[in-house]
Amino acid sequence: MGVEMGQSFHRPHGGVVKLGEDALAGMLRFAQLSEAATEAGGVLIGRHIADSKDVVIDRVTVPMAGDRRTRTRFDRAHRRHQKALDEAWERSSGTSVYLGEWHTHPEPLPTPSNIDLNDWRKRLVNDRVEADFLLFLIVGQREIRMWEGSRVVLGVTRLRERKELQRA
């Protein structure tokens, strides 16, 4: 898969979303690389970096008992994922927070379905977060793609991968 450890993405109004190695490794374990693989997903947990527009995704929840998984659908059992999020928040003294959602798609270059877009809009309206945005990530077979959803305009923007400069 064309993914590098420590991958990051440009945010639409400045700042960067950094995808930490543990979070990335957790999601890549569930990439739908075989015909039998079912969708997987969970929540993005991380930090808003003080005095900047940067965000770091430190960890993710992965499929748990009670989640419903098919080849083309993932429905998260909210209680268990919420418990993991609450525990991360407690351990970090309130700095690790819910940043959004992730799931897999059985396609090389993932594109959100209408079901995804409708679910993301509902989350932008209903999820209780302090930020004015949420992040949505889809793990494809060859690429990871990320979108930022604005709680102000209820729209989503695909984030472009940030290419690191090579040092000589």
N, C-alpha and C. Protein backbone atom coordinates (compact mmCIF):
# COMPACT_ATOMS: atom_id res chain seq x y z
N MET A 1 0.86 -1.18 0.00
CA MET A 1 0.00 0.00 0.00
C MET A 1 0.90 1.23 0.00
N GLY A 2 0.53 2.25 -0.75
CA GLY A 2 1.32 3.47 -0.85
C GLY A 2 1.18 4.37 0.35
N VAL A 3 1.53 3.87 1.53
CA VAL A 3 1.37 4.64 2.76
C VAL A 3 2.70 4.63 3.50
N GLU A 4 3.10 5.78 3.98
CA GLU A 4 4.33 5.87 4.76
C GLU A 4 3.98 6.11 6.22
N MET A 5 4.81 5.56 7.10
CA MET A 5 4.59 5.80 8.52
C MET A 5 4.71 7.30 8.79
N GLY A 6 3.83 7.81 9.63
CA GLY A 6 3.86 9.22 9.94
C GLY A 6 3.24 10.08 8.85
N GLN A 7 2.34 9.52 8.09
CA GLN A 7 1.68 10.24 7.01
C GLN A 7 0.96 11.47 7.56
N SER A 8 0.91 12.54 6.76
CA SER A 8 0.20 13.74 7.19
C SER A 8 -0.53 14.37 6.00
N PHE A 9 -1.51 15.21 6.34
CA PHE A 9 -2.40 15.81 5.35
C PHE A 9 -2.55 17.30 5.63
N HIS A 10 -2.67 18.10 4.56
CA HIS A 10 -2.92 19.53 4.69
C HIS A 10 -4.39 19.77 5.03
N ARG A 11 -4.63 20.62 6.01
CA ARG A 11 -6.00 21.03 6.34
C ARG A 11 -6.39 22.18 5.41
N PRO A 12 -7.69 22.35 5.12
CA PRO A 12 -8.10 23.35 4.12
C PRO A 12 -7.84 24.80 4.51
N HIS A 13 -7.81 25.11 5.79
CA HIS A 13 -7.61 26.50 6.22
C HIS A 13 -6.33 26.66 7.03
N GLY A 14 -5.32 25.87 6.67
CA GLY A 14 -4.05 25.91 7.37
C GLY A 14 -3.93 24.81 8.39
N GLY A 15 -2.72 24.46 8.68
CA GLY A 15 -2.47 23.38 9.63
C GLY A 15 -2.34 22.04 8.94
N VAL A 16 -1.95 21.06 9.74
CA VAL A 16 -1.68 19.72 9.24
C VAL A 16 -2.36 18.71 10.16
N VAL A 17 -2.84 17.62 9.58
CA VAL A 17 -3.29 16.47 10.36
C VAL A 17 -2.19 15.42 10.25
N LYS A 18 -1.60 15.07 11.37
CA LYS A 18 -0.54 14.06 11.41
C LYS A 18 -1.16 12.74 11.86
N LEU A 19 -0.96 11.71 11.05
CA LEU A 19 -1.46 10.38 11.36
C LEU A 19 -0.33 9.60 11.99
N GLY A 20 -0.42 9.38 13.31
CA GLY A 20 0.65 8.71 14.05
C GLY A 20 0.81 7.26 13.64
N GLU A 21 2.01 6.73 13.90
CA GLU A 21 2.35 5.38 13.49
C GLU A 21 1.44 4.32 14.11
N ASP A 22 1.10 4.45 15.41
CA ASP A 22 0.24 3.45 16.05
C ASP A 22 -1.16 3.47 15.44
N ALA A 23 -1.68 4.65 15.20
CA ALA A 23 -3.01 4.76 14.59
C ALA A 23 -3.00 4.17 13.19
N LEU A 24 -1.99 4.50 12.42
CA LEU A 24 -1.88 4.00 11.06
C LEU A 24 -1.77 2.48 11.04
N ALA A 25 -0.91 1.94 11.88
CA ALA A 25 -0.74 0.48 11.94
C ALA A 25 -2.04 -0.20 12.35
N GLY A 26 -2.77 0.40 13.29
CA GLY A 26 -4.05 -0.18 13.73
C GLY A 26 -5.05 -0.29 12.61
N MET A 27 -5.12 0.74 11.76
CA MET A 27 -6.07 0.72 10.65
C MET A 27 -5.62 -0.19 9.52
N LEU A 28 -4.33 -0.18 9.22
CA LEU A 28 -3.83 -0.98 8.09
C LEU A 28 -4.03 -2.47 8.29
N ARG A 29 -4.12 -2.92 9.55
CA ARG A 29 -4.38 -4.33 9.82
C ARG A 29 -5.71 -4.78 9.22
N PHE A 30 -6.62 -3.83 8.97
CA PHE A 30 -7.96 -4.17 8.51
C PHE A 30 -8.21 -3.81 7.04
N ALA A 31 -7.17 -3.41 6.31
CA ALA A 31 -7.35 -3.09 4.89
C ALA A 31 -7.96 -4.30 4.19
N GLN A 32 -8.94 -4.07 3.34
CA GLN A 32 -9.68 -5.14 2.67
C GLN A 32 -8.94 -5.62 1.43
N LEU A 33 -7.88 -6.41 1.66
CA LEU A 33 -7.02 -6.85 0.57
C LEU A 33 -7.45 -8.17 -0.04
N SER A 34 -8.33 -8.90 0.62
CA SER A 34 -8.83 -10.17 0.06
C SER A 34 -10.32 -10.03 -0.26
N GLU A 35 -10.80 -10.93 -1.08
CA GLU A 35 -12.22 -10.92 -1.46
C GLU A 35 -13.13 -11.19 -0.26
N ALA A 36 -12.63 -11.88 0.74
CA ALA A 36 -13.44 -12.24 1.90
C ALA A 36 -13.42 -11.18 3.00
N ALA A 37 -12.53 -10.22 2.92
CA ALA A 37 -12.37 -9.22 4.00
C ALA A 37 -13.61 -8.34 4.10
N THR A 38 -14.05 -8.12 5.33
CA THR A 38 -15.21 -7.26 5.59
C THR A 38 -14.74 -5.87 6.00
N GLU A 39 -15.65 -4.89 5.86
CA GLU A 39 -15.31 -3.53 6.27
C GLU A 39 -15.03 -3.50 7.77
N ALA A 40 -14.18 -2.59 8.15
CA ALA A 40 -13.82 -2.38 9.55
C ALA A 40 -13.82 -0.89 9.80
N GLY A 41 -13.79 -0.50 11.06
CA GLY A 41 -13.74 0.91 11.36
C GLY A 41 -13.68 1.17 12.85
N GLY A 42 -13.74 2.46 13.17
CA GLY A 42 -13.69 2.87 14.56
C GLY A 42 -13.61 4.39 14.64
N VAL A 43 -13.13 4.86 15.78
CA VAL A 43 -13.02 6.31 15.98
C VAL A 43 -11.56 6.72 15.99
N LEU A 44 -11.34 7.99 15.63
CA LEU A 44 -10.02 8.60 15.63
C LEU A 44 -9.83 9.33 16.96
N ILE A 45 -8.74 9.05 17.65
CA ILE A 45 -8.46 9.66 18.95
C ILE A 45 -7.14 10.40 18.86
N GLY A 46 -7.13 11.65 19.31
CA GLY A 46 -5.88 12.39 19.23
C GLY A 46 -5.96 13.74 19.91
N ARG A 47 -5.11 14.67 19.42
CA ARG A 47 -4.93 15.95 20.11
C ARG A 47 -4.99 17.11 19.13
N HIS A 48 -5.51 18.22 19.63
CA HIS A 48 -5.41 19.51 18.95
C HIS A 48 -4.15 20.16 19.52
N ILE A 49 -3.22 20.55 18.65
CA ILE A 49 -1.96 21.12 19.12
C ILE A 49 -2.18 22.60 19.48
N ALA A 50 -1.81 22.95 20.71
CA ALA A 50 -2.04 24.31 21.22
C ALA A 50 -1.39 25.36 20.33
N ASP A 51 -2.09 26.49 20.19
CA ASP A 51 -1.60 27.65 19.44
C ASP A 51 -1.26 27.32 17.98
N SER A 52 -1.98 26.36 17.41
CA SER A 52 -1.79 26.03 15.99
C SER A 52 -3.09 25.43 15.46
N LYS A 53 -3.12 25.18 14.17
CA LYS A 53 -4.26 24.49 13.55
C LYS A 53 -3.93 23.03 13.30
N ASP A 54 -2.83 22.55 13.89
CA ASP A 54 -2.39 21.17 13.70
C ASP A 54 -3.16 20.22 14.60
N VAL A 55 -3.31 19.01 14.10
CA VAL A 55 -4.01 17.94 14.82
C VAL A 55 -3.17 16.67 14.68
N VAL A 56 -3.10 15.89 15.75
CA VAL A 56 -2.38 14.61 15.71
C VAL A 56 -3.36 13.50 16.07
N ILE A 57 -3.44 12.49 15.20
CA ILE A 57 -4.23 11.30 15.49
C ILE A 57 -3.27 10.29 16.10
N ASP A 58 -3.41 10.04 17.40
CA ASP A 58 -2.50 9.17 18.11
C ASP A 58 -2.91 7.70 18.07
N ARG A 59 -4.21 7.46 18.12
CA ARG A 59 -4.68 6.07 18.12
C ARG A 59 -6.07 6.01 17.56
N VAL A 60 -6.50 4.79 17.29
CA VAL A 60 -7.85 4.54 16.77
C VAL A 60 -8.44 3.37 17.54
N THR A 61 -9.77 3.33 17.57
CA THR A 61 -10.39 2.09 18.02
C THR A 61 -10.53 1.21 16.79
N VAL A 62 -10.55 -0.09 17.03
CA VAL A 62 -10.68 -1.08 15.95
C VAL A 62 -11.96 -1.86 16.18
N PRO A 63 -12.37 -2.70 15.22
CA PRO A 63 -13.63 -3.43 15.40
C PRO A 63 -13.71 -4.15 16.74
N MET A 64 -14.90 -4.07 17.33
CA MET A 64 -15.15 -4.66 18.64
C MET A 64 -16.41 -5.53 18.58
N ALA A 65 -16.59 -6.33 19.62
CA ALA A 65 -17.80 -7.13 19.73
C ALA A 65 -19.01 -6.22 19.64
N GLY A 66 -19.98 -6.61 18.86
CA GLY A 66 -21.18 -5.81 18.69
C GLY A 66 -21.19 -4.98 17.42
N ASP A 67 -20.02 -4.71 16.84
CA ASP A 67 -19.97 -4.02 15.55
C ASP A 67 -20.55 -4.95 14.49
N ARG A 68 -21.19 -4.37 13.47
CA ARG A 68 -21.72 -5.16 12.36
C ARG A 68 -20.85 -4.91 11.14
N ARG A 69 -20.35 -6.02 10.56
CA ARG A 69 -19.42 -5.91 9.44
C ARG A 69 -19.85 -6.80 8.28
N THR A 70 -19.92 -6.20 7.09
CA THR A 70 -20.12 -6.96 5.86
C THR A 70 -19.05 -6.51 4.87
N ARG A 71 -19.08 -7.04 3.68
CA ARG A 71 -18.09 -6.66 2.67
C ARG A 71 -18.13 -5.17 2.37
N THR A 72 -19.33 -4.59 2.40
CA THR A 72 -19.47 -3.18 1.99
C THR A 72 -20.13 -2.30 3.05
N ARG A 73 -20.11 -2.73 4.30
CA ARG A 73 -20.78 -1.93 5.33
C ARG A 73 -20.13 -2.18 6.69
N PHE A 74 -20.02 -1.10 7.46
CA PHE A 74 -19.54 -1.20 8.85
C PHE A 74 -20.43 -0.32 9.71
N ASP A 75 -21.03 -0.91 10.74
CA ASP A 75 -21.83 -0.16 11.71
C ASP A 75 -21.21 -0.36 13.08
N ARG A 76 -20.78 0.74 13.67
CA ARG A 76 -20.08 0.72 14.94
C ARG A 76 -21.05 0.59 16.10
N ALA A 77 -20.71 -0.30 17.05
CA ALA A 77 -21.44 -0.40 18.31
C ALA A 77 -20.91 0.73 19.20
N HIS A 78 -21.72 1.72 19.43
CA HIS A 78 -21.25 2.96 20.04
C HIS A 78 -20.69 2.81 21.45
N ARG A 79 -21.31 2.01 22.30
CA ARG A 79 -20.91 1.97 23.72
C ARG A 79 -19.46 1.58 23.94
N ARG A 80 -19.02 0.50 23.28
CA ARG A 80 -17.65 0.03 23.51
C ARG A 80 -16.61 1.02 23.00
N HIS A 81 -16.87 1.60 21.83
CA HIS A 81 -15.93 2.59 21.29
C HIS A 81 -15.92 3.84 22.18
N GLN A 82 -17.09 4.23 22.68
CA GLN A 82 -17.17 5.39 23.58
C GLN A 82 -16.39 5.12 24.86
N LYS A 83 -16.46 3.89 25.37
CA LYS A 83 -15.71 3.54 26.58
C LYS A 83 -14.21 3.69 26.34
N ALA A 84 -13.72 3.22 25.18
CA ALA A 84 -12.29 3.36 24.86
C ALA A 84 -11.91 4.84 24.75
N LEU A 85 -12.79 5.64 24.17
CA LEU A 85 -12.55 7.08 24.05
C LEU A 85 -12.52 7.74 25.43
N ASP A 86 -13.47 7.38 26.28
CA ASP A 86 -13.51 7.93 27.64
C ASP A 86 -12.24 7.58 28.42
N GLU A 87 -11.77 6.34 28.26
CA GLU A 87 -10.55 5.92 28.96
C GLU A 87 -9.33 6.69 28.46
N ALA A 88 -9.24 6.92 27.15
CA ALA A 88 -8.12 7.69 26.60
C ALA A 88 -8.16 9.12 27.13
N TRP A 89 -9.34 9.69 27.22
CA TRP A 89 -9.51 11.06 27.73
C TRP A 89 -9.06 11.13 29.19
N GLU A 90 -9.48 10.16 30.00
CA GLU A 90 -9.09 10.12 31.42
C GLU A 90 -7.58 9.98 31.58
N ARG A 91 -6.98 9.02 30.86
CA ARG A 91 -5.53 8.77 30.97
C ARG A 91 -4.70 9.99 30.56
N SER A 92 -5.22 10.80 29.64
CA SER A 92 -4.47 11.94 29.12
C SER A 92 -4.80 13.24 29.85
N SER A 93 -5.59 13.17 30.90
CA SER A 93 -6.05 14.36 31.62
C SER A 93 -6.79 15.32 30.70
N GLY A 94 -7.55 14.76 29.78
CA GLY A 94 -8.41 15.56 28.92
C GLY A 94 -7.78 16.08 27.64
N THR A 95 -6.59 15.60 27.28
CA THR A 95 -5.99 16.08 26.03
C THR A 95 -6.27 15.15 24.85
N SER A 96 -6.54 13.88 25.09
CA SER A 96 -6.90 12.96 24.00
C SER A 96 -8.41 13.02 23.82
N VAL A 97 -8.82 13.39 22.60
CA VAL A 97 -10.24 13.61 22.33
C VAL A 97 -10.69 12.90 21.06
N TYR A 98 -11.99 12.83 20.90
CA TYR A 98 -12.60 12.30 19.69
C TYR A 98 -12.35 13.28 18.55
N LEU A 99 -11.76 12.78 17.44
CA LEU A 99 -11.48 13.63 16.29
C LEU A 99 -12.34 13.28 15.08
N GLY A 100 -12.94 12.08 15.08
CA GLY A 100 -13.76 11.68 13.94
C GLY A 100 -13.82 10.17 13.80
N GLU A 101 -14.02 9.72 12.57
CA GLU A 101 -14.30 8.31 12.28
C GLU A 101 -13.38 7.80 11.17
N TRP A 102 -13.15 6.48 11.17
CA TRP A 102 -12.44 5.83 10.08
C TRP A 102 -13.15 4.53 9.73
N HIS A 103 -13.00 4.12 8.49
CA HIS A 103 -13.45 2.79 8.07
C HIS A 103 -12.72 2.39 6.80
N THR A 104 -12.91 1.15 6.39
CA THR A 104 -12.25 0.63 5.20
C THR A 104 -13.22 0.55 4.04
N HIS A 105 -12.66 0.48 2.84
CA HIS A 105 -13.43 0.23 1.62
C HIS A 105 -12.70 -0.83 0.80
N PRO A 106 -13.45 -1.69 0.11
CA PRO A 106 -12.82 -2.71 -0.74
C PRO A 106 -12.52 -2.16 -2.14
N GLU A 107 -11.80 -1.06 -2.20
CA GLU A 107 -11.43 -0.45 -3.48
C GLU A 107 -10.04 0.16 -3.33
N PRO A 108 -9.26 0.22 -4.41
CA PRO A 108 -7.89 0.73 -4.30
C PRO A 108 -7.83 2.18 -3.82
N LEU A 109 -8.62 3.06 -4.45
CA LEU A 109 -8.61 4.48 -4.12
C LEU A 109 -9.97 4.84 -3.55
N PRO A 110 -10.09 4.89 -2.25
CA PRO A 110 -11.41 5.00 -1.63
C PRO A 110 -12.10 6.34 -1.89
N THR A 111 -13.39 6.23 -2.13
CA THR A 111 -14.26 7.39 -2.34
C THR A 111 -15.47 7.21 -1.43
N PRO A 112 -15.90 8.26 -0.72
CA PRO A 112 -17.05 8.09 0.17
C PRO A 112 -18.33 7.81 -0.62
N SER A 113 -19.10 6.87 -0.12
CA SER A 113 -20.40 6.55 -0.71
C SER A 113 -21.42 7.58 -0.24
N ASN A 114 -22.61 7.55 -0.82
CA ASN A 114 -23.68 8.42 -0.33
C ASN A 114 -24.02 8.10 1.12
N ILE A 115 -23.94 6.83 1.49
CA ILE A 115 -24.18 6.44 2.89
C ILE A 115 -23.13 7.10 3.78
N ASP A 116 -21.86 7.08 3.36
CA ASP A 116 -20.79 7.72 4.13
C ASP A 116 -21.07 9.22 4.28
N LEU A 117 -21.36 9.89 3.17
CA LEU A 117 -21.58 11.34 3.21
C LEU A 117 -22.75 11.71 4.11
N ASN A 118 -23.83 10.93 4.05
CA ASN A 118 -24.99 11.19 4.91
C ASN A 118 -24.63 10.97 6.38
N ASP A 119 -23.89 9.89 6.66
CA ASP A 119 -23.47 9.62 8.04
C ASP A 119 -22.55 10.73 8.55
N TRP A 120 -21.64 11.18 7.71
CA TRP A 120 -20.72 12.25 8.12
C TRP A 120 -21.49 13.52 8.43
N ARG A 121 -22.48 13.87 7.63
CA ARG A 121 -23.29 15.08 7.91
C ARG A 121 -24.01 14.94 9.25
N LYS A 122 -24.56 13.75 9.51
CA LYS A 122 -25.24 13.53 10.81
C LYS A 122 -24.26 13.71 11.96
N ARG A 123 -23.06 13.19 11.80
CA ARG A 123 -22.05 13.34 12.86
C ARG A 123 -21.68 14.80 13.07
N LEU A 124 -21.57 15.55 11.98
CA LEU A 124 -21.24 16.97 12.10
C LEU A 124 -22.32 17.72 12.88
N VAL A 125 -23.56 17.30 12.75
CA VAL A 125 -24.67 17.95 13.46
C VAL A 125 -24.80 17.43 14.89
N ASN A 126 -24.68 16.11 15.07
CA ASN A 126 -25.05 15.50 16.35
C ASN A 126 -23.92 15.22 17.32
N ASP A 127 -22.71 14.96 16.83
CA ASP A 127 -21.62 14.60 17.74
C ASP A 127 -21.22 15.81 18.58
N ARG A 128 -21.00 15.58 19.87
CA ARG A 128 -20.61 16.66 20.77
C ARG A 128 -19.10 16.75 20.85
N VAL A 129 -18.57 17.78 20.20
CA VAL A 129 -17.12 18.04 20.22
C VAL A 129 -16.91 19.54 20.36
N GLU A 130 -15.75 19.92 20.86
CA GLU A 130 -15.46 21.34 21.03
C GLU A 130 -15.00 21.99 19.73
N ALA A 131 -14.41 21.23 18.84
CA ALA A 131 -13.90 21.78 17.58
C ALA A 131 -15.04 22.04 16.60
N ASP A 132 -14.77 22.87 15.60
CA ASP A 132 -15.79 23.15 14.59
C ASP A 132 -15.62 22.24 13.36
N PHE A 133 -14.89 21.13 13.54
CA PHE A 133 -14.70 20.18 12.45
C PHE A 133 -14.55 18.77 13.01
N LEU A 134 -14.74 17.79 12.13
CA LEU A 134 -14.45 16.39 12.41
C LEU A 134 -13.65 15.85 11.22
N LEU A 135 -12.88 14.80 11.47
CA LEU A 135 -12.10 14.16 10.43
C LEU A 135 -12.72 12.82 10.08
N PHE A 136 -12.66 12.47 8.80
CA PHE A 136 -13.20 11.21 8.30
C PHE A 136 -12.14 10.58 7.41
N LEU A 137 -11.79 9.34 7.69
CA LEU A 137 -10.70 8.67 7.00
C LEU A 137 -11.20 7.35 6.44
N ILE A 138 -10.83 7.05 5.20
CA ILE A 138 -11.16 5.77 4.58
C ILE A 138 -9.87 5.09 4.15
N VAL A 139 -9.69 3.84 4.59
CA VAL A 139 -8.55 3.03 4.21
C VAL A 139 -8.95 2.21 3.00
N GLY A 140 -8.29 2.47 1.87
CA GLY A 140 -8.52 1.68 0.67
C GLY A 140 -7.48 0.58 0.55
N GLN A 141 -7.47 -0.10 -0.59
CA GLN A 141 -6.52 -1.17 -0.80
C GLN A 141 -5.13 -0.65 -1.16
N ARG A 142 -5.05 0.54 -1.75
CA ARG A 142 -3.75 1.11 -2.12
C ARG A 142 -3.47 2.46 -1.48
N GLU A 143 -4.48 3.10 -0.96
CA GLU A 143 -4.30 4.47 -0.47
C GLU A 143 -5.24 4.74 0.70
N ILE A 144 -4.78 5.62 1.58
CA ILE A 144 -5.62 6.15 2.64
C ILE A 144 -6.00 7.57 2.23
N ARG A 145 -7.28 7.88 2.37
CA ARG A 145 -7.73 9.24 2.06
C ARG A 145 -8.47 9.80 3.28
N MET A 146 -8.36 11.12 3.44
CA MET A 146 -8.97 11.77 4.59
C MET A 146 -9.76 12.99 4.14
N TRP A 147 -10.87 13.23 4.85
CA TRP A 147 -11.72 14.40 4.61
C TRP A 147 -11.91 15.14 5.93
N GLU A 148 -12.07 16.45 5.84
CA GLU A 148 -12.40 17.26 7.00
C GLU A 148 -13.82 17.77 6.80
N GLY A 149 -14.65 17.55 7.80
CA GLY A 149 -16.02 18.01 7.75
C GLY A 149 -16.18 19.27 8.59
N SER A 150 -16.77 20.28 8.01
CA SER A 150 -17.01 21.55 8.72
C SER A 150 -18.36 21.49 9.41
N ARG A 151 -18.36 21.76 10.70
CA ARG A 151 -19.61 21.82 11.46
C ARG A 151 -20.33 23.14 11.20
N VAL A 152 -19.64 24.11 10.59
CA VAL A 152 -20.22 25.41 10.30
C VAL A 152 -21.07 25.35 9.03
N VAL A 153 -20.50 24.79 7.96
CA VAL A 153 -21.22 24.75 6.68
C VAL A 153 -21.77 23.37 6.34
N LEU A 154 -21.50 22.38 7.22
CA LEU A 154 -21.96 20.99 7.03
C LEU A 154 -21.52 20.41 5.69
N GLY A 155 -20.28 20.71 5.32
CA GLY A 155 -19.70 20.16 4.11
C GLY A 155 -18.38 19.47 4.42
N VAL A 156 -17.92 18.64 3.47
CA VAL A 156 -16.64 17.95 3.65
C VAL A 156 -15.68 18.31 2.53
N THR A 157 -14.40 18.37 2.88
CA THR A 157 -13.34 18.69 1.94
C THR A 157 -12.29 17.60 2.02
N ARG A 158 -11.90 17.05 0.87
CA ARG A 158 -10.83 16.05 0.88
C ARG A 158 -9.51 16.74 1.18
N LEU A 159 -8.74 16.14 2.08
CA LEU A 159 -7.44 16.68 2.44
C LEU A 159 -6.37 16.06 1.55
N ARG A 160 -5.45 16.87 1.13
CA ARG A 160 -4.35 16.40 0.28
C ARG A 160 -3.19 15.95 1.16
N GLU A 161 -2.58 14.84 0.74
CA GLU A 161 -1.44 14.33 1.48
C GLU A 161 -0.30 15.35 1.43
N ARG A 162 0.35 15.50 2.55
CA ARG A 162 1.49 16.41 2.67
C ARG A 162 2.74 15.63 2.34
N LYS A 163 3.44 16.05 1.32
CA LYS A 163 4.67 15.37 0.91
C LYS A 163 5.84 15.97 1.67
N GLU A 164 6.61 15.12 2.30
CA GLU A 164 7.77 15.58 3.05
C GLU A 164 8.90 15.92 2.08
N LEU A 165 9.65 16.97 2.37
CA LEU A 165 10.80 17.32 1.55
C LEU A 165 11.92 16.32 1.82
N GLN A 166 12.55 15.87 0.76
CA GLN A 166 13.69 14.96 0.90
C GLN A 166 14.93 15.77 1.25
N ARG A 167 15.68 15.31 2.23
CA ARG A 167 16.92 15.98 2.60
C ARG A 167 18.10 15.30 1.93
N ALA A 168 19.00 16.09 1.43
CA ALA A 168 20.17 15.52 0.73
C ALA A 168 21.23 15.08 1.71
